[in-house]
Amino acid sequence: MQIGEIIRKYRKERNMTQEEMANRLGVTAPAVNKWENGNSMPDIMMLAPIARLLEISLDTLLSFQDELTPEEITHFIYETTEQLKNRPYDEAFQRSKKIIEQYPNCKDLIWQIAVLLDAKRLTEEVPNSESYDDYIVNCYTRALESENEIIRNHAADSLFGFYSRKEQYDKAEEYLSYFSLQNPERKFKQAQIYSNTGRIDEAYKAFEELLFSYYTMVSAALHNIYMLAMQENKLSKAHMLIDKQQKLAKVFDMGGYHELTCRLEFETAAKDADAAIKTMEEILASIDKITDFRKSPLYEHMDYRAPSEEFTADLKEKILTCFRDEETYGFLKDDERYWELIK
């Protein structure tokens, strides 16, 4: 807020008229009016008396603060949006610069205003559009200095997008380092660069690896939601989630083994002997196909070795050991099919 706005705000909070304030400070009412409307500034010698009269600190009067509140940032973003909507671009741009100059350390505000200025040029024709590039890039770069990781990532993403649009892919790639190696967004952007620079096989592989990791993540999330539904005895919801997991495995070409394992847990919890034994038989029969996803065209550029016979045999024994767990499968102990299965 400008100093005039601060004066008006706190004067009104104290139910004081401009005339009353002027009288107490020994100035004229028009002088106070000019301060509040931004037509003039109080003399430096008046700052302390004004602050004492309004019962605020000099920092508050001068609108000094380390960081804006989220509400204040929202206010400035709304103001910038309205300016860009209703005023010529350059006028809104200059107004935005002044806001940033008032709060040069608020990285979140700087980044958000830069995004608005940048986006306006992408959606509408702006005269001399490229003349604003340097300032907008400078704002994004300043936001990279934020102590907040989310803001740094947003700024890096904006710079990646900016240089990608310019087809300066080497420069765009520099900003991937701001994303952790575990962040799927980093791999996705890297794949985009591979694609845009003619490295087709590398692009295929990166996108395929993303597909595989997304399957793993979504499958795990569905399983955890299923566990919550079972805890609350919401059996119909749990059944729906198992069905989703099976369809997910099918859509991602993960093979029969992965489609079956999620089903067995529900059948076991429901103590459905016929269904459980049938699924257990199918799981054991599909062990040697556990990596059949390697044959899918979805993953043809990924490097997966075929499992060894030792691996398959060891996995089968581990599954049989699991099936022998009395706490989980004790409800099957009187079923001859069960004993035949776990021999």
Protein backbone atom coordinates (compact mmCIF):
# COMPACT_ATOMS: atom_id res chain seq x y z
CA MET A 1 0.00 0.00 0.00
CA GLN A 2 1.13 3.57 -0.69
CA ILE A 3 1.74 5.90 2.24
CA GLY A 4 -1.42 7.87 1.42
CA GLU A 5 -3.50 4.70 1.56
CA ILE A 6 -1.93 3.81 4.91
CA ILE A 7 -2.80 7.26 6.29
CA ARG A 8 -6.40 7.01 5.08
CA LYS A 9 -6.81 3.45 6.44
CA TYR A 10 -5.64 4.21 9.98
CA ARG A 11 -7.26 7.67 10.11
CA LYS A 12 -10.64 6.07 9.37
CA GLU A 13 -10.01 3.28 11.86
CA ARG A 14 -9.72 5.99 14.52
CA ASN A 15 -12.89 7.76 13.31
CA MET A 16 -10.88 10.89 12.57
CA THR A 17 -11.80 13.35 9.79
CA GLN A 18 -9.20 14.93 7.53
CA GLU A 19 -9.87 18.27 9.24
CA GLU A 20 -9.29 16.80 12.70
CA MET A 21 -6.07 15.16 11.59
CA ALA A 22 -4.91 18.41 9.95
CA ASN A 23 -5.63 20.42 13.09
CA ARG A 24 -3.71 18.04 15.32
CA LEU A 25 -0.70 18.06 13.01
CA GLY A 26 -0.78 21.79 12.36
CA VAL A 27 -1.34 21.43 8.60
CA THR A 28 -4.27 22.14 6.31
CA ALA A 29 -7.06 19.72 5.45
CA PRO A 30 -6.21 19.96 1.69
CA ALA A 31 -2.67 18.83 2.56
CA VAL A 32 -4.02 15.66 4.22
CA ASN A 33 -6.34 15.13 1.25
CA LYS A 34 -3.38 15.33 -1.15
CA TRP A 35 -1.40 12.80 0.90
CA GLU A 36 -4.26 10.33 0.86
CA ASN A 37 -4.87 10.69 -2.86
CA GLY A 38 -1.20 10.32 -3.70
CA ASN A 39 -0.89 13.83 -5.09
CA SER A 40 1.88 14.75 -2.65
CA MET A 41 3.98 13.20 0.11
CA PRO A 42 4.25 14.36 3.74
CA ASP A 43 7.45 16.20 4.58
CA ILE A 44 9.99 13.86 6.16
CA MET A 45 9.75 15.82 9.44
CA MET A 46 6.02 14.99 9.55
CA LEU A 47 6.42 11.21 9.39
CA ALA A 48 7.03 10.63 13.10
CA PRO A 49 4.12 12.91 14.24
CA ILE A 50 1.78 11.21 11.74
CA ALA A 51 2.79 7.75 12.99
CA ARG A 52 2.32 8.80 16.64
CA LEU A 53 -1.08 10.36 15.88
CA LEU A 54 -2.30 7.24 14.09
CA GLU A 55 -0.72 5.01 16.76
CA ILE A 56 1.30 2.99 14.26
CA SER A 57 5.01 2.40 13.74
CA LEU A 58 7.08 4.16 11.10
CA ASP A 59 7.54 0.79 9.41
CA THR A 60 3.77 0.44 9.10
CA LEU A 61 3.40 4.03 7.88
CA LEU A 62 6.05 3.46 5.24
CA SER A 63 4.52 0.05 4.46
CA PHE A 64 7.78 -1.72 5.23
CA GLN A 65 7.55 -5.45 5.81
CA ASP A 66 9.66 -8.49 5.09
CA GLU A 67 6.90 -10.33 3.27
CA LEU A 68 3.37 -9.69 2.09
CA THR A 69 0.52 -11.78 3.45
CA PRO A 70 -1.26 -14.17 1.05
CA GLU A 71 -4.27 -11.85 1.15
CA GLU A 72 -2.16 -8.86 0.13
CA ILE A 73 -0.56 -10.81 -2.71
CA THR A 74 -4.01 -11.86 -3.89
CA HIS A 75 -5.06 -8.20 -3.88
CA PHE A 76 -2.14 -7.19 -6.12
CA ILE A 77 -2.69 -10.12 -8.46
CA TYR A 78 -6.35 -9.17 -8.81
CA GLU A 79 -5.36 -5.57 -9.46
CA THR A 80 -2.83 -6.64 -12.12
CA THR A 81 -5.38 -8.92 -13.77
CA GLU A 82 -7.90 -6.10 -13.97
CA GLN A 83 -5.27 -3.73 -15.37
CA LEU A 84 -4.32 -6.23 -18.09
CA LYS A 85 -7.97 -6.77 -18.90
CA ASN A 86 -9.02 -3.13 -19.11
CA ARG A 87 -5.92 -1.07 -19.93
CA PRO A 88 -3.35 -1.11 -22.74
CA TYR A 89 -0.64 -3.71 -22.13
CA ASP A 90 2.20 -1.25 -21.65
CA GLU A 91 0.22 0.77 -19.12
CA ALA A 92 -0.57 -2.37 -17.13
CA PHE A 93 3.06 -3.45 -17.47
CA GLN A 94 4.36 -0.16 -16.03
CA ARG A 95 1.86 -0.35 -13.18
CA SER A 96 3.05 -3.90 -12.42
CA LYS A 97 6.65 -2.76 -12.36
CA LYS A 98 5.80 -0.17 -9.74
CA ILE A 99 4.16 -2.81 -7.55
CA ILE A 100 7.25 -5.00 -7.78
CA GLU A 101 9.47 -2.02 -6.99
CA GLN A 102 7.50 -1.49 -3.77
CA TYR A 103 8.02 -5.12 -2.70
CA PRO A 104 11.32 -6.17 -4.30
CA ASN A 105 11.86 -9.10 -1.93
CA CYS A 106 8.46 -10.75 -2.28
CA LYS A 107 9.41 -13.56 -4.67
CA ASP A 108 5.91 -15.02 -4.79
CA LEU A 109 4.41 -11.69 -5.89
CA ILE A 110 7.19 -11.15 -8.44
CA TRP A 111 6.70 -14.59 -9.97
CA GLN A 112 2.89 -14.34 -10.12
CA ILE A 113 2.91 -10.90 -11.73
CA ALA A 114 5.51 -12.09 -14.28
CA VAL A 115 3.28 -15.06 -15.15
CA LEU A 116 0.33 -12.73 -15.77
CA LEU A 117 2.41 -10.42 -17.95
CA ASP A 118 3.86 -13.37 -19.87
CA ALA A 119 0.52 -15.13 -20.36
CA LYS A 120 -1.15 -12.01 -21.72
CA ARG A 121 1.36 -12.00 -24.58
CA LEU A 122 0.56 -15.62 -25.40
CA THR A 123 -3.20 -15.17 -25.58
CA GLU A 124 -3.42 -11.77 -27.26
CA GLU A 125 -1.50 -9.68 -29.75
CA VAL A 126 0.76 -7.27 -27.85
CA PRO A 127 2.68 -4.54 -29.71
CA ASN A 128 6.46 -5.03 -29.48
CA SER A 129 5.87 -8.15 -27.43
CA GLU A 130 9.52 -9.26 -27.33
CA SER A 131 10.63 -5.94 -25.84
CA TYR A 132 9.21 -7.15 -22.53
CA ASP A 133 11.16 -10.43 -22.55
CA ASP A 134 14.16 -9.28 -20.52
CA TYR A 135 12.09 -7.88 -17.67
CA ILE A 136 9.84 -10.93 -17.43
CA VAL A 137 12.81 -13.31 -17.49
CA ASN A 138 14.49 -11.18 -14.82
CA CYS A 139 11.40 -11.55 -12.62
CA TYR A 140 11.39 -15.31 -13.06
CA THR A 141 15.10 -15.43 -12.27
CA ARG A 142 14.62 -13.36 -9.11
CA ALA A 143 11.91 -15.79 -7.99
CA LEU A 144 14.46 -18.60 -8.25
CA GLU A 145 16.19 -17.03 -5.23
CA SER A 146 13.17 -17.73 -3.01
CA GLU A 147 13.69 -19.81 0.12
CA ASN A 148 10.38 -21.49 -0.67
CA GLU A 149 10.94 -24.62 -2.78
CA ILE A 150 7.48 -24.40 -4.34
CA ILE A 151 8.12 -20.87 -5.61
CA ARG A 152 11.56 -21.92 -6.93
CA ASN A 153 9.96 -24.82 -8.80
CA HIS A 154 7.27 -22.53 -10.23
CA ALA A 155 9.92 -20.07 -11.40
CA ALA A 156 12.04 -22.83 -12.94
CA ASP A 157 8.96 -24.17 -14.69
CA SER A 158 8.20 -20.70 -16.08
CA LEU A 159 11.76 -20.29 -17.36
CA PHE A 160 11.68 -23.77 -18.89
CA GLY A 161 8.47 -22.84 -20.70
CA PHE A 162 9.82 -19.47 -21.80
CA TYR A 163 12.99 -20.87 -23.38
CA SER A 164 11.15 -23.85 -24.86
CA ARG A 165 8.83 -21.46 -26.68
CA LYS A 166 11.91 -19.71 -28.01
CA GLU A 167 13.28 -23.14 -29.06
CA GLN A 168 16.35 -22.45 -26.94
CA TYR A 169 16.31 -26.00 -25.59
CA ASP A 170 19.84 -25.99 -24.15
CA LYS A 171 18.84 -23.01 -22.02
CA ALA A 172 15.52 -24.57 -21.07
CA GLU A 173 17.28 -27.75 -19.96
CA GLU A 174 19.37 -25.81 -17.45
CA TYR A 175 16.31 -25.22 -15.29
CA LEU A 176 15.54 -28.92 -14.88
CA SER A 177 18.15 -29.00 -12.11
CA TYR A 178 15.67 -27.14 -9.89
CA PHE A 179 13.47 -30.25 -9.87
CA SER A 180 14.51 -33.26 -7.80
CA LEU A 181 15.53 -36.40 -9.66
CA GLN A 182 12.50 -38.15 -8.12
CA ASN A 183 10.08 -35.55 -9.48
CA PRO A 184 8.16 -37.00 -12.48
CA GLU A 185 7.78 -33.45 -13.80
CA ARG A 186 11.53 -33.35 -14.40
CA LYS A 187 11.50 -36.52 -16.48
CA PHE A 188 8.45 -35.30 -18.41
CA LYS A 189 10.14 -32.03 -19.32
CA GLN A 190 13.35 -33.86 -20.22
CA ALA A 191 11.34 -36.11 -22.52
CA GLN A 192 9.83 -33.04 -24.15
CA ILE A 193 13.31 -31.71 -24.87
CA TYR A 194 14.38 -35.06 -26.33
CA SER A 195 11.31 -34.98 -28.57
CA ASN A 196 11.81 -31.38 -29.67
CA THR A 197 15.49 -31.89 -30.47
CA GLY A 198 15.09 -35.03 -32.56
CA ARG A 199 16.30 -37.53 -29.94
CA ILE A 200 13.33 -39.78 -30.62
CA ASP A 201 14.49 -43.03 -29.00
CA GLU A 202 15.45 -41.17 -25.83
CA ALA A 203 12.06 -39.42 -25.82
CA TYR A 204 10.23 -42.74 -26.22
CA LYS A 205 12.19 -44.28 -23.37
CA ALA A 206 11.64 -41.33 -21.02
CA PHE A 207 7.90 -41.24 -21.67
CA GLU A 208 7.64 -45.03 -21.29
CA GLU A 209 9.48 -44.89 -17.97
CA LEU A 210 6.99 -42.25 -16.86
CA LEU A 211 4.08 -44.52 -17.82
CA PHE A 212 5.55 -47.34 -15.77
CA SER A 213 6.19 -45.13 -12.73
CA TYR A 214 2.70 -43.61 -12.98
CA TYR A 215 1.20 -47.11 -12.97
CA THR A 216 3.16 -47.99 -9.84
CA MET A 217 2.12 -44.78 -8.08
CA VAL A 218 -1.58 -44.93 -9.01
CA SER A 219 -1.79 -48.63 -8.19
CA ALA A 220 -0.26 -47.98 -4.76
CA ALA A 221 -2.68 -45.11 -4.14
CA LEU A 222 -5.70 -47.26 -5.09
CA HIS A 223 -4.45 -50.03 -2.80
CA ASN A 224 -4.13 -47.66 0.14
CA ILE A 225 -7.61 -46.28 -0.43
CA TYR A 226 -8.82 -49.89 -0.58
CA MET A 227 -7.19 -50.56 2.80
CA LEU A 228 -8.98 -47.56 4.30
CA ALA A 229 -12.30 -48.76 2.88
CA MET A 230 -11.74 -52.22 4.42
CA GLN A 231 -10.91 -50.66 7.80
CA GLU A 232 -14.29 -48.91 7.68
CA ASN A 233 -15.99 -52.10 6.44
CA LYS A 234 -17.10 -50.36 3.24
CA LEU A 235 -17.11 -53.57 1.21
CA SER A 236 -18.84 -52.22 -1.89
CA LYS A 237 -16.30 -49.42 -2.16
CA ALA A 238 -13.44 -51.86 -1.58
CA HIS A 239 -14.77 -54.10 -4.35
CA MET A 240 -14.98 -51.10 -6.69
CA LEU A 241 -11.35 -50.20 -5.91
CA ILE A 242 -10.17 -53.75 -6.63
CA ASP A 243 -11.99 -53.58 -9.96
CA LYS A 244 -10.22 -50.27 -10.71
CA GLN A 245 -6.83 -51.81 -9.89
CA GLN A 246 -7.48 -54.73 -12.23
CA LYS A 247 -8.52 -52.42 -15.04
CA LEU A 248 -5.50 -50.23 -14.37
CA ALA A 249 -3.15 -53.21 -14.72
CA LYS A 250 -4.91 -54.15 -17.95
CA VAL A 251 -4.78 -50.63 -19.43
CA PHE A 252 -1.05 -50.39 -18.66
CA ASP A 253 -0.39 -53.87 -20.12
CA MET A 254 1.08 -55.14 -16.85
CA GLY A 255 0.03 -58.74 -17.44
CA GLY A 256 -2.18 -61.28 -15.71
CA TYR A 257 -0.13 -61.60 -12.53
CA HIS A 258 -0.63 -57.93 -11.64
CA GLU A 259 -4.33 -58.13 -12.48
CA LEU A 260 -4.79 -61.05 -10.10
CA THR A 261 -2.83 -60.08 -6.98
CA CYS A 262 -5.04 -57.13 -6.07
CA ARG A 263 -8.14 -59.35 -6.30
CA LEU A 264 -6.91 -62.03 -3.91
CA GLU A 265 -6.68 -59.69 -0.93
CA PHE A 266 -10.38 -58.81 -1.18
CA GLU A 267 -11.45 -62.44 -1.63
CA THR A 268 -9.37 -63.44 1.38
CA ALA A 269 -10.85 -60.67 3.54
CA ALA A 270 -14.32 -61.77 2.46
CA LYS A 271 -13.36 -65.42 3.25
CA ASP A 272 -14.65 -66.48 -0.15
CA ALA A 273 -12.97 -69.88 -0.36
CA ASP A 274 -13.94 -70.75 -3.94
CA ALA A 275 -12.87 -67.39 -5.35
CA ALA A 276 -9.68 -67.23 -3.27
CA ILE A 277 -8.46 -70.70 -4.25
CA LYS A 278 -9.22 -70.05 -7.92
CA THR A 279 -7.24 -66.77 -7.81
CA MET A 280 -4.36 -68.39 -5.92
CA GLU A 281 -4.13 -71.08 -8.63
CA GLU A 282 -4.13 -68.43 -11.35
CA ILE A 283 -1.43 -66.42 -9.56
CA LEU A 284 0.88 -69.44 -9.29
CA ALA A 285 0.26 -70.26 -12.94
CA SER A 286 1.12 -66.71 -14.02
CA ILE A 287 4.37 -66.25 -12.07
CA ASP A 288 6.54 -66.90 -15.11
CA LYS A 289 4.65 -64.06 -16.85
CA ILE A 290 5.28 -61.49 -14.14
CA THR A 291 7.35 -59.31 -16.49
CA ASP A 292 5.18 -59.78 -19.57
CA PHE A 293 4.80 -56.01 -19.69
CA ARG A 294 8.23 -56.11 -21.39
CA LYS A 295 6.47 -57.44 -24.49
CA SER A 296 4.00 -54.56 -24.62
CA PRO A 297 4.50 -51.87 -27.29
CA LEU A 298 3.96 -49.39 -24.45
CA TYR A 299 7.41 -50.21 -23.07
CA GLU A 300 9.39 -51.35 -26.11
CA HIS A 301 12.21 -48.83 -25.58
CA MET A 302 12.79 -49.72 -21.93
CA ASP A 303 15.63 -52.00 -20.87
CA TYR A 304 14.20 -54.83 -18.80
CA ARG A 305 15.93 -58.17 -18.55
CA ALA A 306 13.87 -61.35 -18.60
CA PRO A 307 13.67 -62.91 -15.13
CA SER A 308 15.94 -65.89 -14.56
CA GLU A 309 14.59 -69.32 -13.69
CA GLU A 310 16.09 -68.90 -10.23
CA PHE A 311 14.19 -65.65 -9.73
CA THR A 312 10.91 -67.24 -10.82
CA ALA A 313 11.42 -70.28 -8.60
CA ASP A 314 12.33 -68.11 -5.62
CA LEU A 315 9.28 -65.88 -6.16
CA LYS A 316 7.00 -68.91 -6.38
CA GLU A 317 8.35 -70.25 -3.07
CA LYS A 318 7.85 -66.87 -1.40
CA ILE A 319 4.25 -66.74 -2.63
CA LEU A 320 3.61 -70.28 -1.38
CA THR A 321 5.07 -69.30 1.99
CA CYS A 322 2.66 -66.37 2.05
CA PHE A 323 -0.25 -68.68 1.16
CA ARG A 324 0.70 -70.93 4.10
CA ASP A 325 0.20 -68.11 6.60
CA GLU A 326 -2.44 -69.43 8.95
CA GLU A 327 -3.57 -66.03 10.19
CA THR A 328 -4.49 -64.93 6.67
CA TYR A 329 -5.54 -68.18 5.03
CA GLY A 330 -6.64 -70.22 8.06
CA PHE A 331 -10.23 -70.12 6.83
CA LEU A 332 -9.14 -72.53 4.07
CA LYS A 333 -7.60 -75.19 6.34
CA ASP A 334 -10.54 -77.59 5.92
CA ASP A 335 -10.47 -77.35 2.13
CA GLU A 336 -8.55 -80.12 0.37
CA ARG A 337 -7.93 -77.88 -2.64
CA TYR A 338 -5.98 -75.54 -0.39
CA TRP A 339 -3.62 -78.27 0.87
CA GLU A 340 -3.08 -79.52 -2.65
CA LEU A 341 -2.22 -75.98 -3.73
CA ILE A 342 0.39 -75.25 -1.07
CA LYS A 343 2.29 -78.55 -1.25
